[in-house]
Amino acid sequence: MLVRVVNIVDLMRLWPPDKHPHGMTADHFEELITLDKDVIFAFHGYPGAIHQILYGRPNPGRFHVRG
């Protein structure tokens, strides 16, 4: 089993660029976080905050936030 770890220091990078100046383009997002794999976020805040930031990204059911 392969696991990819992506450490995101600036959560605003998860927004699209039209929502935040630090936002990540769809192509860059898909490059780092693939479209077809489950994603687990270990987050020290409220899970709803991450879900709100990821709203509109493809295949939202694959995002699992543990806060």
PDB file of N, CA and C in Angstrom:
ATOM      1  N   MET A   1       0.841  -1.174   0.000  1.00  0.00           N
ATOM      2  CA  MET A   1       0.000   0.000   0.000  1.00  0.00           C
ATOM      3  C   MET A   1       0.886   1.237   0.000  1.00  0.00           C
ATOM      4  N   LEU A   2       0.574   2.170  -0.871  1.00  0.00           N
ATOM      5  CA  LEU A   2       1.306   3.429  -0.941  1.00  0.00           C
ATOM      6  C   LEU A   2       0.497   4.526  -0.271  1.00  0.00           C
ATOM      7  N   VAL A   3       1.193   5.396   0.431  1.00  0.00           N
ATOM      8  CA  VAL A   3       0.569   6.520   1.114  1.00  0.00           C
ATOM      9  C   VAL A   3       1.313   7.785   0.717  1.00  0.00           C
ATOM     10  N   ARG A   4       0.570   8.810   0.395  1.00  0.00           N
ATOM     11  CA  ARG A   4       1.181  10.102   0.100  1.00  0.00           C
ATOM     12  C   ARG A   4       0.840  11.042   1.252  1.00  0.00           C
ATOM     13  N   VAL A   5       1.835  11.702   1.770  1.00  0.00           N
ATOM     14  CA  VAL A   5       1.629  12.674   2.844  1.00  0.00           C
ATOM     15  C   VAL A   5       1.868  14.064   2.264  1.00  0.00           C
ATOM     16  N   VAL A   6       0.875  14.926   2.431  1.00  0.00           N
ATOM     17  CA  VAL A   6       0.985  16.306   1.987  1.00  0.00           C
ATOM     18  C   VAL A   6       0.788  17.178   3.221  1.00  0.00           C
ATOM     19  N   ASN A   7       1.802  17.936   3.578  1.00  0.00           N
ATOM     20  CA  ASN A   7       1.724  18.827   4.730  1.00  0.00           C
ATOM     21  C   ASN A   7       1.323  20.209   4.228  1.00  0.00           C
ATOM     22  N   ILE A   8       0.155  20.644   4.632  1.00  0.00           N
ATOM     23  CA  ILE A   8      -0.346  21.948   4.204  1.00  0.00           C
ATOM     24  C   ILE A   8      -0.234  22.905   5.387  1.00  0.00           C
ATOM     25  N   VAL A   9       0.652  23.852   5.265  1.00  0.00           N
ATOM     26  CA  VAL A   9       0.885  24.819   6.333  1.00  0.00           C
ATOM     27  C   VAL A   9      -0.111  25.977   6.219  1.00  0.00           C
ATOM     28  N   ASP A  10      -0.362  26.426   5.019  1.00  0.00           N
ATOM     29  CA  ASP A  10      -1.284  27.530   4.764  1.00  0.00           C
ATOM     30  C   ASP A  10      -2.586  26.949   4.227  1.00  0.00           C
ATOM     31  N   LEU A  11      -3.600  26.827   5.092  1.00  0.00           N
ATOM     32  CA  LEU A  11      -4.875  26.240   4.677  1.00  0.00           C
ATOM     33  C   LEU A  11      -5.540  27.018   3.552  1.00  0.00           C
ATOM     34  N   MET A  12      -5.214  28.275   3.417  1.00  0.00           N
ATOM     35  CA  MET A  12      -5.818  29.086   2.362  1.00  0.00           C
ATOM     36  C   MET A  12      -5.392  28.618   0.970  1.00  0.00           C
ATOM     37  N   ARG A  13      -4.328  27.818   0.909  1.00  0.00           N
ATOM     38  CA  ARG A  13      -3.909  27.233  -0.378  1.00  0.00           C
ATOM     39  C   ARG A  13      -4.954  26.269  -0.919  1.00  0.00           C
ATOM     40  N   LEU A  14      -5.799  25.723  -0.053  1.00  0.00           N
ATOM     41  CA  LEU A  14      -6.823  24.774  -0.498  1.00  0.00           C
ATOM     42  C   LEU A  14      -7.975  25.454  -1.234  1.00  0.00           C
ATOM     43  N   TRP A  15      -8.150  26.758  -1.016  1.00  0.00           N
ATOM     44  CA  TRP A  15      -9.195  27.486  -1.735  1.00  0.00           C
ATOM     45  C   TRP A  15      -8.813  27.610  -3.210  1.00  0.00           C
ATOM     46  N   PRO A  16      -9.777  27.755  -4.096  1.00  0.00           N
ATOM     47  CA  PRO A  16      -9.456  28.103  -5.487  1.00  0.00           C
ATOM     48  C   PRO A  16      -8.931  29.544  -5.541  1.00  0.00           C
ATOM     49  N   PRO A  17      -8.158  29.886  -6.545  1.00  0.00           N
ATOM     50  CA  PRO A  17      -7.561  31.227  -6.605  1.00  0.00           C
ATOM     51  C   PRO A  17      -8.580  32.358  -6.722  1.00  0.00           C
ATOM     52  N   ASP A  18      -9.789  32.076  -7.179  1.00  0.00           N
ATOM     53  CA  ASP A  18     -10.795  33.141  -7.256  1.00  0.00           C
ATOM     54  C   ASP A  18     -11.433  33.433  -5.895  1.00  0.00           C
ATOM     55  N   LYS A  19     -11.185  32.557  -4.901  1.00  0.00           N
ATOM     56  CA  LYS A  19     -11.728  32.744  -3.559  1.00  0.00           C
ATOM     57  C   LYS A  19     -10.698  33.310  -2.580  1.00  0.00           C
ATOM     58  N   HIS A  20      -9.425  33.077  -2.855  1.00  0.00           N
ATOM     59  CA  HIS A  20      -8.369  33.578  -1.962  1.00  0.00           C
ATOM     60  C   HIS A  20      -7.096  33.796  -2.771  1.00  0.00           C
ATOM     61  N   PRO A  21      -6.346  34.860  -2.484  1.00  0.00           N
ATOM     62  CA  PRO A  21      -5.114  35.143  -3.241  1.00  0.00           C
ATOM     63  C   PRO A  21      -4.071  34.023  -3.156  1.00  0.00           C
ATOM     64  N   HIS A  22      -4.068  33.238  -2.087  1.00  0.00           N
ATOM     65  CA  HIS A  22      -3.123  32.124  -1.964  1.00  0.00           C
ATOM     66  C   HIS A  22      -3.662  30.851  -2.585  1.00  0.00           C
ATOM     67  N   GLY A  23      -4.876  30.893  -3.127  1.00  0.00           N
ATOM     68  CA  GLY A  23      -5.565  29.700  -3.620  1.00  0.00           C
ATOM     69  C   GLY A  23      -4.791  28.911  -4.665  1.00  0.00           C
ATOM     70  N   MET A  24      -5.108  27.632  -4.728  1.00  0.00           N
ATOM     71  CA  MET A  24      -4.438  26.683  -5.611  1.00  0.00           C
ATOM     72  C   MET A  24      -5.319  26.402  -6.833  1.00  0.00           C
ATOM     73  N   THR A  25      -4.725  26.448  -8.016  1.00  0.00           N
ATOM     74  CA  THR A  25      -5.476  26.142  -9.230  1.00  0.00           C
ATOM     75  C   THR A  25      -5.948  24.689  -9.206  1.00  0.00           C
ATOM     76  N   ALA A  26      -6.956  24.398  -9.997  1.00  0.00           N
ATOM     77  CA  ALA A  26      -7.489  23.035 -10.075  1.00  0.00           C
ATOM     78  C   ALA A  26      -6.408  22.060 -10.530  1.00  0.00           C
ATOM     79  N   ASP A  27      -5.603  22.453 -11.496  1.00  0.00           N
ATOM     80  CA  ASP A  27      -4.538  21.563 -11.987  1.00  0.00           C
ATOM     81  C   ASP A  27      -3.523  21.240 -10.900  1.00  0.00           C
ATOM     82  N   HIS A  28      -3.110  22.240 -10.149  1.00  0.00           N
ATOM     83  CA  HIS A  28      -2.131  22.021  -9.078  1.00  0.00           C
ATOM     84  C   HIS A  28      -2.749  21.173  -7.960  1.00  0.00           C
ATOM     85  N   PHE A  29      -4.010  21.442  -7.634  1.00  0.00           N
ATOM     86  CA  PHE A  29      -4.715  20.669  -6.614  1.00  0.00           C
ATOM     87  C   PHE A  29      -4.773  19.198  -7.007  1.00  0.00           C
ATOM     88  N   GLU A  30      -5.136  18.931  -8.257  1.00  0.00           N
ATOM     89  CA  GLU A  30      -5.229  17.555  -8.743  1.00  0.00           C
ATOM     90  C   GLU A  30      -3.870  16.874  -8.795  1.00  0.00           C
ATOM     91  N   GLU A  31      -2.822  17.648  -9.021  1.00  0.00           N
ATOM     92  CA  GLU A  31      -1.471  17.100  -9.033  1.00  0.00           C
ATOM     93  C   GLU A  31      -1.062  16.623  -7.638  1.00  0.00           C
ATOM     94  N   LEU A  32      -1.376  17.410  -6.627  1.00  0.00           N
ATOM     95  CA  LEU A  32      -1.016  17.053  -5.249  1.00  0.00           C
ATOM     96  C   LEU A  32      -1.995  16.058  -4.631  1.00  0.00           C
ATOM     97  N   ILE A  33      -3.268  16.312  -4.836  1.00  0.00           N
ATOM     98  CA  ILE A  33      -4.326  15.500  -4.225  1.00  0.00           C
ATOM     99  C   ILE A  33      -5.141  14.935  -5.371  1.00  0.00           C
ATOM    100  N   THR A  34      -4.907  13.687  -5.701  1.00  0.00           N
ATOM    101  CA  THR A  34      -5.501  13.087  -6.891  1.00  0.00           C
ATOM    102  C   THR A  34      -7.025  13.119  -6.834  1.00  0.00           C
ATOM    103  N   LEU A  35      -7.653  12.840  -7.964  1.00  0.00           N
ATOM    104  CA  LEU A  35      -9.109  12.877  -8.067  1.00  0.00           C
ATOM    105  C   LEU A  35      -9.795  11.601  -7.609  1.00  0.00           C
ATOM    106  N   ASP A  36      -9.059  10.495  -7.560  1.00  0.00           N
ATOM    107  CA  ASP A  36      -9.716   9.206  -7.332  1.00  0.00           C
ATOM    108  C   ASP A  36      -9.291   8.486  -6.055  1.00  0.00           C
ATOM    109  N   LYS A  37      -8.540   9.135  -5.200  1.00  0.00           N
ATOM    110  CA  LYS A  37      -8.086   8.500  -3.956  1.00  0.00           C
ATOM    111  C   LYS A  37      -8.732   9.179  -2.756  1.00  0.00           C
ATOM    112  N   ASP A  38      -8.966   8.398  -1.705  1.00  0.00           N
ATOM    113  CA  ASP A  38      -9.477   8.969  -0.465  1.00  0.00           C
ATOM    114  C   ASP A  38      -8.410   9.854   0.167  1.00  0.00           C
ATOM    115  N   VAL A  39      -8.873  10.915   0.808  1.00  0.00           N
ATOM    116  CA  VAL A  39      -7.977  11.878   1.453  1.00  0.00           C
ATOM    117  C   VAL A  39      -8.399  11.998   2.915  1.00  0.00           C
ATOM    118  N   ILE A  40      -7.449  11.831   3.817  1.00  0.00           N
ATOM    119  CA  ILE A  40      -7.708  11.971   5.241  1.00  0.00           C
ATOM    120  C   ILE A  40      -6.965  13.206   5.739  1.00  0.00           C
ATOM    121  N   PHE A  41      -7.706  14.127   6.324  1.00  0.00           N
ATOM    122  CA  PHE A  41      -7.120  15.324   6.905  1.00  0.00           C
ATOM    123  C   PHE A  41      -7.051  15.136   8.412  1.00  0.00           C
ATOM    124  N   ALA A  42      -5.874  15.256   8.970  1.00  0.00           N
ATOM    125  CA  ALA A  42      -5.701  15.310  10.421  1.00  0.00           C
ATOM    126  C   ALA A  42      -5.630  16.799  10.748  1.00  0.00           C
ATOM    127  N   PHE A  43      -6.685  17.301  11.349  1.00  0.00           N
ATOM    128  CA  PHE A  43      -6.837  18.746  11.522  1.00  0.00           C
ATOM    129  C   PHE A  43      -7.146  19.055  12.975  1.00  0.00           C
ATOM    130  N   HIS A  44      -6.499  20.050  13.525  1.00  0.00           N
ATOM    131  CA  HIS A  44      -6.666  20.378  14.932  1.00  0.00           C
ATOM    132  C   HIS A  44      -7.840  21.310  15.198  1.00  0.00           C
ATOM    133  N   GLY A  45      -8.630  21.594  14.174  1.00  0.00           N
ATOM    134  CA  GLY A  45      -9.790  22.472  14.338  1.00  0.00           C
ATOM    135  C   GLY A  45     -11.078  21.728  14.033  1.00  0.00           C
ATOM    136  N   TYR A  46     -12.096  22.472  13.689  1.00  0.00           N
ATOM    137  CA  TYR A  46     -13.394  21.875  13.381  1.00  0.00           C
ATOM    138  C   TYR A  46     -13.382  21.273  11.982  1.00  0.00           C
ATOM    139  N   PRO A  47     -13.826  20.021  11.836  1.00  0.00           N
ATOM    140  CA  PRO A  47     -13.856  19.394  10.514  1.00  0.00           C
ATOM    141  C   PRO A  47     -14.664  20.196   9.490  1.00  0.00           C
ATOM    142  N   GLY A  48     -15.726  20.853   9.942  1.00  0.00           N
ATOM    143  CA  GLY A  48     -16.546  21.637   9.024  1.00  0.00           C
ATOM    144  C   GLY A  48     -15.770  22.743   8.327  1.00  0.00           C
ATOM    145  N   ALA A  49     -14.734  23.260   8.970  1.00  0.00           N
ATOM    146  CA  ALA A  49     -13.912  24.310   8.356  1.00  0.00           C
ATOM    147  C   ALA A  49     -13.215  23.786   7.104  1.00  0.00           C
ATOM    148  N   ILE A  50     -12.670  22.577   7.173  1.00  0.00           N
ATOM    149  CA  ILE A  50     -12.000  21.983   6.007  1.00  0.00           C
ATOM    150  C   ILE A  50     -13.010  21.667   4.921  1.00  0.00           C
ATOM    151  N   HIS A  51     -14.164  21.132   5.300  1.00  0.00           N
ATOM    152  CA  HIS A  51     -15.197  20.825   4.308  1.00  0.00           C
ATOM    153  C   HIS A  51     -15.662  22.093   3.592  1.00  0.00           C
ATOM    154  N   GLN A  52     -15.743  23.199   4.325  1.00  0.00           N
ATOM    155  CA  GLN A  52     -16.138  24.458   3.717  1.00  0.00           C
ATOM    156  C   GLN A  52     -15.080  24.924   2.714  1.00  0.00           C
ATOM    157  N   ILE A  53     -13.824  24.798   3.081  1.00  0.00           N
ATOM    158  CA  ILE A  53     -12.740  25.207   2.180  1.00  0.00           C
ATOM    159  C   ILE A  53     -12.711  24.331   0.927  1.00  0.00           C
ATOM    160  N   LEU A  54     -13.001  23.048   1.078  1.00  0.00           N
ATOM    161  CA  LEU A  54     -12.928  22.111  -0.055  1.00  0.00           C
ATOM    162  C   LEU A  54     -14.195  22.086  -0.896  1.00  0.00           C
ATOM    163  N   TYR A  55     -15.206  22.840  -0.495  1.00  0.00           N
ATOM    164  CA  TYR A  55     -16.462  22.870  -1.240  1.00  0.00           C
ATOM    165  C   TYR A  55     -16.197  23.251  -2.696  1.00  0.00           C
ATOM    166  N   GLY A  56     -16.750  22.475  -3.590  1.00  0.00           N
ATOM    167  CA  GLY A  56     -16.585  22.734  -5.014  1.00  0.00           C
ATOM    168  C   GLY A  56     -15.448  21.966  -5.654  1.00  0.00           C
ATOM    169  N   ARG A  57     -14.589  21.359  -4.870  1.00  0.00           N
ATOM    170  CA  ARG A  57     -13.531  20.524  -5.446  1.00  0.00           C
ATOM    171  C   ARG A  57     -14.153  19.203  -5.901  1.00  0.00           C
ATOM    172  N   PRO A  58     -13.579  18.560  -6.905  1.00  0.00           N
ATOM    173  CA  PRO A  58     -14.169  17.330  -7.442  1.00  0.00           C
ATOM    174  C   PRO A  58     -14.243  16.186  -6.424  1.00  0.00           C
ATOM    175  N   ASN A  59     -15.293  15.392  -6.544  1.00  0.00           N
ATOM    176  CA  ASN A  59     -15.478  14.163  -5.765  1.00  0.00           C
ATOM    177  C   ASN A  59     -15.373  14.412  -4.257  1.00  0.00           C
ATOM    178  N   PRO A  60     -16.260  15.221  -3.684  1.00  0.00           N
ATOM    179  CA  PRO A  60     -16.131  15.615  -2.276  1.00  0.00           C
ATOM    180  C   PRO A  60     -16.284  14.470  -1.288  1.00  0.00           C
ATOM    181  N   GLY A  61     -16.903  13.373  -1.671  1.00  0.00           N
ATOM    182  CA  GLY A  61     -17.073  12.250  -0.760  1.00  0.00           C
ATOM    183  C   GLY A  61     -15.785  11.559  -0.357  1.00  0.00           C
ATOM    184  N   ARG A  62     -14.707  11.861  -1.038  1.00  0.00           N
ATOM    185  CA  ARG A  62     -13.420  11.215  -0.739  1.00  0.00           C
ATOM    186  C   ARG A  62     -12.653  11.910   0.374  1.00  0.00           C
ATOM    187  N   PHE A  63     -13.120  13.091   0.806  1.00  0.00           N
ATOM    188  CA  PHE A  63     -12.439  13.842   1.842  1.00  0.00           C
ATOM    189  C   PHE A  63     -12.973  13.451   3.215  1.00  0.00           C
ATOM    190  N   HIS A  64     -12.098  13.021   4.087  1.00  0.00           N
ATOM    191  CA  HIS A  64     -12.444  12.617   5.446  1.00  0.00           C
ATOM    192  C   HIS A  64     -11.597  13.454   6.401  1.00  0.00           C
ATOM    193  N   VAL A  65     -12.265  14.194   7.272  1.00  0.00           N
ATOM    194  CA  VAL A  65     -11.560  15.105   8.173  1.00  0.00           C
ATOM    195  C   VAL A  65     -11.672  14.584   9.592  1.00  0.00           C
ATOM    196  N   ARG A  66     -10.543  14.438  10.246  1.00  0.00           N
ATOM    197  CA  ARG A  66     -10.510  14.032  11.652  1.00  0.00           C
ATOM    198  C   ARG A  66      -9.959  15.208  12.432  1.00  0.00           C
ATOM    199  N   GLY A  67     -10.817  15.783  13.265  1.00  0.00           N
ATOM    200  CA  GLY A  67     -10.411  16.986  13.977  1.00  0.00           C
ATOM    201  C   GLY A  67     -10.489  16.806  15.472  1.00  0.00           C
TER     202      GLY A  67
END
